[in-house]
Amino acid sequence: MSQIQPVNFRDIGGIPVANGTLTPNIFFRSGQVVDISNDTVNFLQNSCSLKRIYDFRSAEEVQKMPDTKIPSVTFTHLDILQTAKANQASMDEMVEGTGDAHENMLTTYEQMVTSDSACHGYAQFLTDLLTNNDPLLFHCFAGKDRTGFAAALILKIAGANDHQIMEDYLKTNTLRKKANQQIIAYFKNTISTEHLQQLQIALNVAPEYLNRANDTIINTFGSFNNYLHEGLGLENGFVSEFRHQYVK
């Protein structure tokens, strides 16, 4: 069945967390669901019972490559990096990016914590989780950065430990290997060797990126709970209510 799944697809539930297990078959993450096959549509509809899709890409990305519409599935667009001062997360930015891709990505992860659009987008996404328990898919272009941080937030709120969160985060490098190889092959003869090397870096995730986001949370807000309350504006009882609904 893996061949009909979207790129970088997985269920982040079903793992042991504080006081139980994060409910499986609710929180699916992936790369973009653009021009997907009928088999993939059927997989998402029937095997995953999908009801909601959250798209974290920019308005320009969505306009260029809109998600494939899936019957009975609602689509919500949240432009996470709209107001960010740095954005190395979209395909265009990766290809056109200048300078050190590793450093650019670190800055992007800082912006996923502090920019107004990221705070607003992740706040809406997380708030929606308490008002609707239907299975959902959240994605961006590659399903690695904007999506990876969203998955880390869900897992952290659920009570997963740092090792579990990083383990899920780094699965992207394995699950995107084939897609990344295809992208590199496509651009191999059109950009310089050095640029190609920077693109290869940008297409993968590294522990330092998620660690930079975590450090930014602590340096800016003092604690993860303060980030949830002050940065995202979530209610004081949010974590308890989330665990009540999704940790069994």
C-alpha atoms as a PDB file:
ATOM      1  CA  MET A   1       0.000   0.000   0.000  1.00  0.00           C
ATOM      2  CA  SER A   2       3.003   2.288   0.505  1.00  0.00           C
ATOM      3  CA  GLN A   3       3.207   3.118  -3.219  1.00  0.00           C
ATOM      4  CA  ILE A   4      -0.155   4.882  -3.124  1.00  0.00           C
ATOM      5  CA  GLN A   5       0.618   7.002  -0.078  1.00  0.00           C
ATOM      6  CA  PRO A   6       1.602  10.645  -0.544  1.00  0.00           C
ATOM      7  CA  VAL A   7       5.323  11.397  -0.261  1.00  0.00           C
ATOM      8  CA  ASN A   8       6.612  11.517   3.330  1.00  0.00           C
ATOM      9  CA  PHE A   9       3.315  10.170   4.663  1.00  0.00           C
ATOM     10  CA  ARG A  10       2.839   8.762   8.144  1.00  0.00           C
ATOM     11  CA  ASP A  11       0.513   8.490  11.132  1.00  0.00           C
ATOM     12  CA  ILE A  12       2.190  10.100  14.134  1.00  0.00           C
ATOM     13  CA  GLY A  13      -0.207   8.448  16.580  1.00  0.00           C
ATOM     14  CA  GLY A  14      -0.085   5.029  18.188  1.00  0.00           C
ATOM     15  CA  ILE A  15       3.026   5.745  20.278  1.00  0.00           C
ATOM     16  CA  PRO A  16       3.281   5.536  24.081  1.00  0.00           C
ATOM     17  CA  VAL A  17       3.277   8.991  25.666  1.00  0.00           C
ATOM     18  CA  ALA A  18       2.746  10.368  29.156  1.00  0.00           C
ATOM     19  CA  ASN A  19      -0.233   8.576  30.756  1.00  0.00           C
ATOM     20  CA  GLY A  20      -1.199   6.481  27.752  1.00  0.00           C
ATOM     21  CA  THR A  21      -1.011   6.194  23.978  1.00  0.00           C
ATOM     22  CA  LEU A  22      -1.548   8.939  21.425  1.00  0.00           C
ATOM     23  CA  THR A  23      -4.653   7.949  19.474  1.00  0.00           C
ATOM     24  CA  PRO A  24      -3.726   6.390  16.117  1.00  0.00           C
ATOM     25  CA  ASN A  25      -5.417   7.090  12.777  1.00  0.00           C
ATOM     26  CA  ILE A  26      -6.127  10.739  13.584  1.00  0.00           C
ATOM     27  CA  PHE A  27      -2.958  12.742  12.903  1.00  0.00           C
ATOM     28  CA  PHE A  28      -1.486  12.088   9.469  1.00  0.00           C
ATOM     29  CA  ARG A  29       1.385  14.139   8.034  1.00  0.00           C
ATOM     30  CA  SER A  30       2.821  14.246   4.513  1.00  0.00           C
ATOM     31  CA  GLY A  31       4.203  16.318   1.703  1.00  0.00           C
ATOM     32  CA  GLN A  32       1.869  18.133  -0.660  1.00  0.00           C
ATOM     33  CA  VAL A  33      -1.128  16.252  -2.099  1.00  0.00           C
ATOM     34  CA  VAL A  34      -0.864  17.661  -5.606  1.00  0.00           C
ATOM     35  CA  ASP A  35      -1.855  15.706  -8.737  1.00  0.00           C
ATOM     36  CA  ILE A  36      -2.303  12.548  -6.712  1.00  0.00           C
ATOM     37  CA  SER A  37      -3.738   9.411  -8.304  1.00  0.00           C
ATOM     38  CA  ASN A  38      -7.245   8.049  -7.841  1.00  0.00           C
ATOM     39  CA  ASP A  39      -5.707   5.220  -5.829  1.00  0.00           C
ATOM     40  CA  THR A  40      -4.166   7.740  -3.450  1.00  0.00           C
ATOM     41  CA  VAL A  41      -7.475   9.590  -3.160  1.00  0.00           C
ATOM     42  CA  ASN A  42      -9.171   6.297  -2.310  1.00  0.00           C
ATOM     43  CA  PHE A  43      -6.452   5.480   0.216  1.00  0.00           C
ATOM     44  CA  LEU A  44      -6.913   8.796   2.013  1.00  0.00           C
ATOM     45  CA  GLN A  45     -10.707   8.553   1.897  1.00  0.00           C
ATOM     46  CA  ASN A  46     -11.206   4.905   2.743  1.00  0.00           C
ATOM     47  CA  SER A  47      -8.102   3.595   4.512  1.00  0.00           C
ATOM     48  CA  CYS A  48      -7.488   6.789   6.507  1.00  0.00           C
ATOM     49  CA  SER A  49     -11.128   7.965   6.725  1.00  0.00           C
ATOM     50  CA  LEU A  50      -9.748  11.454   6.122  1.00  0.00           C
ATOM     51  CA  LYS A  51     -12.091  14.384   6.757  1.00  0.00           C
ATOM     52  CA  ARG A  52      -9.761  17.413   6.954  1.00  0.00           C
ATOM     53  CA  ILE A  53      -6.617  18.653   5.223  1.00  0.00           C
ATOM     54  CA  TYR A  54      -4.489  21.541   6.504  1.00  0.00           C
ATOM     55  CA  ASP A  55      -2.155  23.119   3.966  1.00  0.00           C
ATOM     56  CA  PHE A  56       0.717  25.108   5.490  1.00  0.00           C
ATOM     57  CA  ARG A  57       2.146  26.330   2.175  1.00  0.00           C
ATOM     58  CA  SER A  58       2.297  29.915   0.948  1.00  0.00           C
ATOM     59  CA  ALA A  59      -0.477  31.459  -1.150  1.00  0.00           C
ATOM     60  CA  GLU A  60       1.893  31.389  -4.127  1.00  0.00           C
ATOM     61  CA  GLU A  61       2.616  27.681  -3.662  1.00  0.00           C
ATOM     62  CA  VAL A  62      -1.090  26.905  -3.401  1.00  0.00           C
ATOM     63  CA  GLN A  63      -1.892  28.950  -6.500  1.00  0.00           C
ATOM     64  CA  LYS A  64       0.829  27.273  -8.552  1.00  0.00           C
ATOM     65  CA  MET A  65       0.096  23.745  -7.361  1.00  0.00           C
ATOM     66  CA  PRO A  66      -3.288  23.420  -5.639  1.00  0.00           C
ATOM     67  CA  ASP A  67      -4.120  20.321  -3.636  1.00  0.00           C
ATOM     68  CA  THR A  68      -6.131  17.652  -5.395  1.00  0.00           C
ATOM     69  CA  LYS A  69      -9.706  18.010  -4.206  1.00  0.00           C
ATOM     70  CA  ILE A  70     -11.005  15.010  -2.316  1.00  0.00           C
ATOM     71  CA  PRO A  71     -14.763  14.523  -1.921  1.00  0.00           C
ATOM     72  CA  SER A  72     -16.074  14.996   1.630  1.00  0.00           C
ATOM     73  CA  VAL A  73     -12.738  16.405   2.808  1.00  0.00           C
ATOM     74  CA  THR A  74     -12.525  20.035   3.975  1.00  0.00           C
ATOM     75  CA  PHE A  75      -9.415  22.042   3.099  1.00  0.00           C
ATOM     76  CA  THR A  76      -7.940  24.763   5.329  1.00  0.00           C
ATOM     77  CA  HIS A  77      -5.057  26.937   4.164  1.00  0.00           C
ATOM     78  CA  LEU A  78      -2.743  28.380   6.839  1.00  0.00           C
ATOM     79  CA  ASP A  79       0.227  30.281   5.390  1.00  0.00           C
ATOM     80  CA  ILE A  80       2.696  29.582   8.187  1.00  0.00           C
ATOM     81  CA  LEU A  81       5.591  31.650   6.855  1.00  0.00           C
ATOM     82  CA  GLN A  82       3.628  34.522   5.300  1.00  0.00           C
ATOM     83  CA  THR A  83       5.199  37.176   7.537  1.00  0.00           C
ATOM     84  CA  ALA A  84       8.497  35.381   8.140  1.00  0.00           C
ATOM     85  CA  LYS A  85      11.745  37.207   7.473  1.00  0.00           C
ATOM     86  CA  ALA A  86      13.267  33.962   6.197  1.00  0.00           C
ATOM     87  CA  ASN A  87      11.722  31.061   4.307  1.00  0.00           C
ATOM     88  CA  GLN A  88      13.785  28.150   3.022  1.00  0.00           C
ATOM     89  CA  ALA A  89      10.821  25.779   3.086  1.00  0.00           C
ATOM     90  CA  SER A  90       9.187  26.071  -0.352  1.00  0.00           C
ATOM     91  CA  MET A  91      10.492  24.418  -3.514  1.00  0.00           C
ATOM     92  CA  ASP A  92      11.121  27.767  -5.197  1.00  0.00           C
ATOM     93  CA  GLU A  93      13.028  29.091  -2.194  1.00  0.00           C
ATOM     94  CA  MET A  94      15.151  25.952  -2.056  1.00  0.00           C
ATOM     95  CA  VAL A  95      16.059  26.188  -5.733  1.00  0.00           C
ATOM     96  CA  GLU A  96      16.496  29.966  -5.852  1.00  0.00           C
ATOM     97  CA  GLY A  97      18.036  30.276  -2.397  1.00  0.00           C
ATOM     98  CA  THR A  98      21.409  31.907  -2.001  1.00  0.00           C
ATOM     99  CA  GLY A  99      24.050  31.457   0.658  1.00  0.00           C
ATOM    100  CA  ASP A 100      24.359  28.687   3.200  1.00  0.00           C
ATOM    101  CA  ALA A 101      21.244  26.483   3.067  1.00  0.00           C
ATOM    102  CA  HIS A 102      21.959  25.094   6.537  1.00  0.00           C
ATOM    103  CA  GLU A 103      22.091  28.556   8.105  1.00  0.00           C
ATOM    104  CA  ASN A 104      19.050  29.685   6.117  1.00  0.00           C
ATOM    105  CA  MET A 105      17.117  26.711   7.440  1.00  0.00           C
ATOM    106  CA  LEU A 106      18.099  27.483  11.020  1.00  0.00           C
ATOM    107  CA  THR A 107      16.745  31.003  10.576  1.00  0.00           C
ATOM    108  CA  THR A 108      13.565  29.612   9.032  1.00  0.00           C
ATOM    109  CA  TYR A 109      12.979  27.486  12.120  1.00  0.00           C
ATOM    110  CA  GLU A 110      13.370  30.539  14.324  1.00  0.00           C
ATOM    111  CA  GLN A 111      10.689  32.221  12.235  1.00  0.00           C
ATOM    112  CA  MET A 112       8.359  29.239  12.655  1.00  0.00           C
ATOM    113  CA  VAL A 113       8.386  30.064  16.363  1.00  0.00           C
ATOM    114  CA  THR A 114       8.342  33.861  16.386  1.00  0.00           C
ATOM    115  CA  SER A 115       6.689  35.189  13.200  1.00  0.00           C
ATOM    116  CA  ASP A 116       3.122  36.444  13.492  1.00  0.00           C
ATOM    117  CA  SER A 117       1.873  34.211  10.685  1.00  0.00           C
ATOM    118  CA  ALA A 118       3.383  31.089  12.258  1.00  0.00           C
ATOM    119  CA  CYS A 119       1.944  31.884  15.686  1.00  0.00           C
ATOM    120  CA  HIS A 120      -1.480  32.573  14.185  1.00  0.00           C
ATOM    121  CA  GLY A 121      -1.420  29.533  11.902  1.00  0.00           C
ATOM    122  CA  TYR A 122      -0.264  26.995  14.454  1.00  0.00           C
ATOM    123  CA  ALA A 123      -2.676  28.447  17.021  1.00  0.00           C
ATOM    124  CA  GLN A 124      -5.627  27.953  14.684  1.00  0.00           C
ATOM    125  CA  PHE A 125      -4.461  24.476  13.728  1.00  0.00           C
ATOM    126  CA  LEU A 126      -4.073  23.340  17.327  1.00  0.00           C
ATOM    127  CA  THR A 127      -7.310  25.003  18.471  1.00  0.00           C
ATOM    128  CA  ASP A 128      -9.207  23.165  15.734  1.00  0.00           C
ATOM    129  CA  LEU A 129      -7.967  19.851  17.152  1.00  0.00           C
ATOM    130  CA  LEU A 130     -10.085  20.358  20.261  1.00  0.00           C
ATOM    131  CA  THR A 131     -13.262  21.171  18.373  1.00  0.00           C
ATOM    132  CA  ASN A 132     -13.150  18.380  15.802  1.00  0.00           C
ATOM    133  CA  ASN A 133     -11.871  14.824  16.336  1.00  0.00           C
ATOM    134  CA  ASP A 134     -12.096  13.721  12.703  1.00  0.00           C
ATOM    135  CA  PRO A 135      -8.969  12.248  11.063  1.00  0.00           C
ATOM    136  CA  LEU A 136      -6.837  14.920   9.404  1.00  0.00           C
ATOM    137  CA  LEU A 137      -3.799  15.333   7.191  1.00  0.00           C
ATOM    138  CA  PHE A 138      -1.459  18.294   7.558  1.00  0.00           C
ATOM    139  CA  HIS A 139       1.189  19.110   4.980  1.00  0.00           C
ATOM    140  CA  CYS A 140       3.373  21.713   3.287  1.00  0.00           C
ATOM    141  CA  PHE A 141       5.516  21.234   0.174  1.00  0.00           C
ATOM    142  CA  ALA A 142       7.938  18.557   1.341  1.00  0.00           C
ATOM    143  CA  GLY A 143       6.192  17.755   4.613  1.00  0.00           C
ATOM    144  CA  LYS A 144       9.429  18.306   6.492  1.00  0.00           C
ATOM    145  CA  ASP A 145       9.698  21.801   8.029  1.00  0.00           C
ATOM    146  CA  ARG A 146       6.376  23.596   8.514  1.00  0.00           C
ATOM    147  CA  THR A 147       4.775  20.164   8.823  1.00  0.00           C
ATOM    148  CA  GLY A 148       7.619  18.751  10.888  1.00  0.00           C
ATOM    149  CA  PHE A 149       7.300  21.493  13.468  1.00  0.00           C
ATOM    150  CA  ALA A 150       3.512  21.023  13.624  1.00  0.00           C
ATOM    151  CA  ALA A 151       4.021  17.304  14.258  1.00  0.00           C
ATOM    152  CA  ALA A 152       6.564  18.103  16.955  1.00  0.00           C
ATOM    153  CA  LEU A 153       4.035  20.398  18.641  1.00  0.00           C
ATOM    154  CA  ILE A 154       1.341  17.724  18.638  1.00  0.00           C
ATOM    155  CA  LEU A 155       3.712  15.103  20.011  1.00  0.00           C
ATOM    156  CA  LYS A 156       5.087  17.425  22.690  1.00  0.00           C
ATOM    157  CA  ILE A 157       1.586  18.414  23.808  1.00  0.00           C
ATOM    158  CA  ALA A 158       0.577  14.739  23.890  1.00  0.00           C
ATOM    159  CA  GLY A 159       3.461  13.963  26.244  1.00  0.00           C
ATOM    160  CA  ALA A 160       5.989  12.373  23.888  1.00  0.00           C
ATOM    161  CA  ASN A 161       9.633  12.639  24.942  1.00  0.00           C
ATOM    162  CA  ASP A 162      12.350  14.431  22.991  1.00  0.00           C
ATOM    163  CA  HIS A 163      13.697  11.183  21.504  1.00  0.00           C
ATOM    164  CA  GLN A 164      10.274  10.192  20.144  1.00  0.00           C
ATOM    165  CA  ILE A 165       9.732  13.641  18.659  1.00  0.00           C
ATOM    166  CA  MET A 166      13.136  13.678  16.980  1.00  0.00           C
ATOM    167  CA  GLU A 167      12.676  10.126  15.733  1.00  0.00           C
ATOM    168  CA  ASP A 168       9.492  11.068  13.904  1.00  0.00           C
ATOM    169  CA  TYR A 169      11.079  14.273  12.616  1.00  0.00           C
ATOM    170  CA  LEU A 170      14.105  12.509  11.107  1.00  0.00           C
ATOM    171  CA  LYS A 171      11.999   9.842   9.356  1.00  0.00           C
ATOM    172  CA  THR A 172      11.563  12.484   6.663  1.00  0.00           C
ATOM    173  CA  ASN A 173      15.083  11.882   5.340  1.00  0.00           C
ATOM    174  CA  THR A 174      14.255   8.237   4.653  1.00  0.00           C
ATOM    175  CA  LEU A 175      10.718   8.765   3.392  1.00  0.00           C
ATOM    176  CA  ARG A 176      11.746  11.601   1.040  1.00  0.00           C
ATOM    177  CA  LYS A 177      14.891   9.903  -0.289  1.00  0.00           C
ATOM    178  CA  LYS A 178      13.431   8.871  -3.650  1.00  0.00           C
ATOM    179  CA  ALA A 179      11.578  12.158  -4.198  1.00  0.00           C
ATOM    180  CA  ASN A 180      14.708  14.139  -3.311  1.00  0.00           C
ATOM    181  CA  GLN A 181      16.810  12.098  -5.716  1.00  0.00           C
ATOM    182  CA  GLN A 182      14.331  12.894  -8.487  1.00  0.00           C
ATOM    183  CA  ILE A 183      14.526  16.621  -7.720  1.00  0.00           C
ATOM    184  CA  ILE A 184      18.332  16.570  -7.721  1.00  0.00           C
ATOM    185  CA  ALA A 185      18.368  14.666 -11.024  1.00  0.00           C
ATOM    186  CA  TYR A 186      15.966  17.201 -12.554  1.00  0.00           C
ATOM    187  CA  PHE A 187      18.201  20.157 -11.700  1.00  0.00           C
ATOM    188  CA  LYS A 188      21.549  18.400 -12.171  1.00  0.00           C
ATOM    189  CA  ASN A 189      22.295  19.961 -15.535  1.00  0.00           C
ATOM    190  CA  THR A 190      20.725  23.369 -14.952  1.00  0.00           C
ATOM    191  CA  ILE A 191      22.417  24.647 -11.784  1.00  0.00           C
ATOM    192  CA  SER A 192      26.012  24.677 -10.544  1.00  0.00           C
ATOM    193  CA  THR A 193      27.533  21.855  -8.517  1.00  0.00           C
ATOM    194  CA  GLU A 194      27.757  24.105  -5.460  1.00  0.00           C
ATOM    195  CA  HIS A 195      24.130  25.177  -5.842  1.00  0.00           C
ATOM    196  CA  LEU A 196      23.136  21.537  -6.247  1.00  0.00           C
ATOM    197  CA  GLN A 197      24.894  20.695  -2.983  1.00  0.00           C
ATOM    198  CA  GLN A 198      23.017  23.482  -1.193  1.00  0.00           C
ATOM    199  CA  LEU A 199      19.736  22.197  -2.662  1.00  0.00           C
ATOM    200  CA  GLN A 200      20.523  18.723  -1.355  1.00  0.00           C
ATOM    201  CA  ILE A 201      20.990  20.183   2.129  1.00  0.00           C
ATOM    202  CA  ALA A 202      17.738  22.139   1.885  1.00  0.00           C
ATOM    203  CA  LEU A 203      15.779  19.040   0.866  1.00  0.00           C
ATOM    204  CA  ASN A 204      16.653  17.205   4.073  1.00  0.00           C
ATOM    205  CA  VAL A 205      16.083  17.803   7.762  1.00  0.00           C
ATOM    206  CA  ALA A 206      18.750  17.901  10.458  1.00  0.00           C
ATOM    207  CA  PRO A 207      18.461  17.635  14.246  1.00  0.00           C
ATOM    208  CA  GLU A 208      19.908  21.130  14.565  1.00  0.00           C
ATOM    209  CA  TYR A 209      16.850  22.623  12.854  1.00  0.00           C
ATOM    210  CA  LEU A 210      14.288  21.304  15.314  1.00  0.00           C
ATOM    211  CA  ASN A 211      16.709  22.000  18.166  1.00  0.00           C
ATOM    212  CA  ARG A 212      16.957  25.614  16.980  1.00  0.00           C
ATOM    213  CA  ALA A 213      13.158  25.915  17.142  1.00  0.00           C
ATOM    214  CA  ASN A 214      13.181  24.473  20.656  1.00  0.00           C
ATOM    215  CA  ASP A 215      15.960  26.827  21.734  1.00  0.00           C
ATOM    216  CA  THR A 216      14.054  29.763  20.251  1.00  0.00           C
ATOM    217  CA  ILE A 217      10.980  28.778  22.271  1.00  0.00           C
ATOM    218  CA  ILE A 218      12.985  28.767  25.496  1.00  0.00           C
ATOM    219  CA  ASN A 219      14.939  31.937  24.703  1.00  0.00           C
ATOM    220  CA  THR A 220      11.822  33.861  23.659  1.00  0.00           C
ATOM    221  CA  PHE A 221       9.141  32.548  25.996  1.00  0.00           C
ATOM    222  CA  GLY A 222      11.013  30.870  28.834  1.00  0.00           C
ATOM    223  CA  SER A 223       9.236  27.515  28.545  1.00  0.00           C
ATOM    224  CA  PHE A 224       7.125  25.417  26.189  1.00  0.00           C
ATOM    225  CA  ASN A 225       4.003  26.118  28.230  1.00  0.00           C
ATOM    226  CA  ASN A 226       4.647  29.857  28.018  1.00  0.00           C
ATOM    227  CA  TYR A 227       5.009  29.493  24.256  1.00  0.00           C
ATOM    228  CA  LEU A 228       1.619  27.818  24.068  1.00  0.00           C
ATOM    229  CA  HIS A 229      -0.040  30.479  26.224  1.00  0.00           C
ATOM    230  CA  GLU A 230       1.822  33.667  25.288  1.00  0.00           C
ATOM    231  CA  GLY A 231       3.031  32.875  21.780  1.00  0.00           C
ATOM    232  CA  LEU A 232       0.032  30.968  20.470  1.00  0.00           C
ATOM    233  CA  GLY A 233      -2.593  32.362  22.821  1.00  0.00           C
ATOM    234  CA  LEU A 234      -3.927  28.932  23.822  1.00  0.00           C
ATOM    235  CA  GLU A 235      -6.007  28.524  26.964  1.00  0.00           C
ATOM    236  CA  ASN A 236      -4.299  27.369  30.160  1.00  0.00           C
ATOM    237  CA  GLY A 237      -6.159  24.063  30.048  1.00  0.00           C
ATOM    238  CA  PHE A 238      -5.259  23.295  26.447  1.00  0.00           C
ATOM    239  CA  VAL A 239      -2.705  20.544  27.151  1.00  0.00           C
ATOM    240  CA  SER A 240      -4.998  18.787  29.636  1.00  0.00           C
ATOM    241  CA  GLU A 241      -7.944  18.916  27.248  1.00  0.00           C
ATOM    242  CA  PHE A 242      -5.834  17.670  24.329  1.00  0.00           C
ATOM    243  CA  ARG A 243      -4.624  14.705  26.366  1.00  0.00           C
ATOM    244  CA  HIS A 244      -8.147  14.009  27.586  1.00  0.00           C
ATOM    245  CA  GLN A 245      -9.329  13.756  23.981  1.00  0.00           C
ATOM    246  CA  TYR A 246      -6.387  12.055  22.321  1.00  0.00           C
ATOM    247  CA  VAL A 247      -4.352  10.134  24.902  1.00  0.00           C
ATOM    248  CA  LYS A 248      -5.965   6.888  26.053  1.00  0.00           C
END
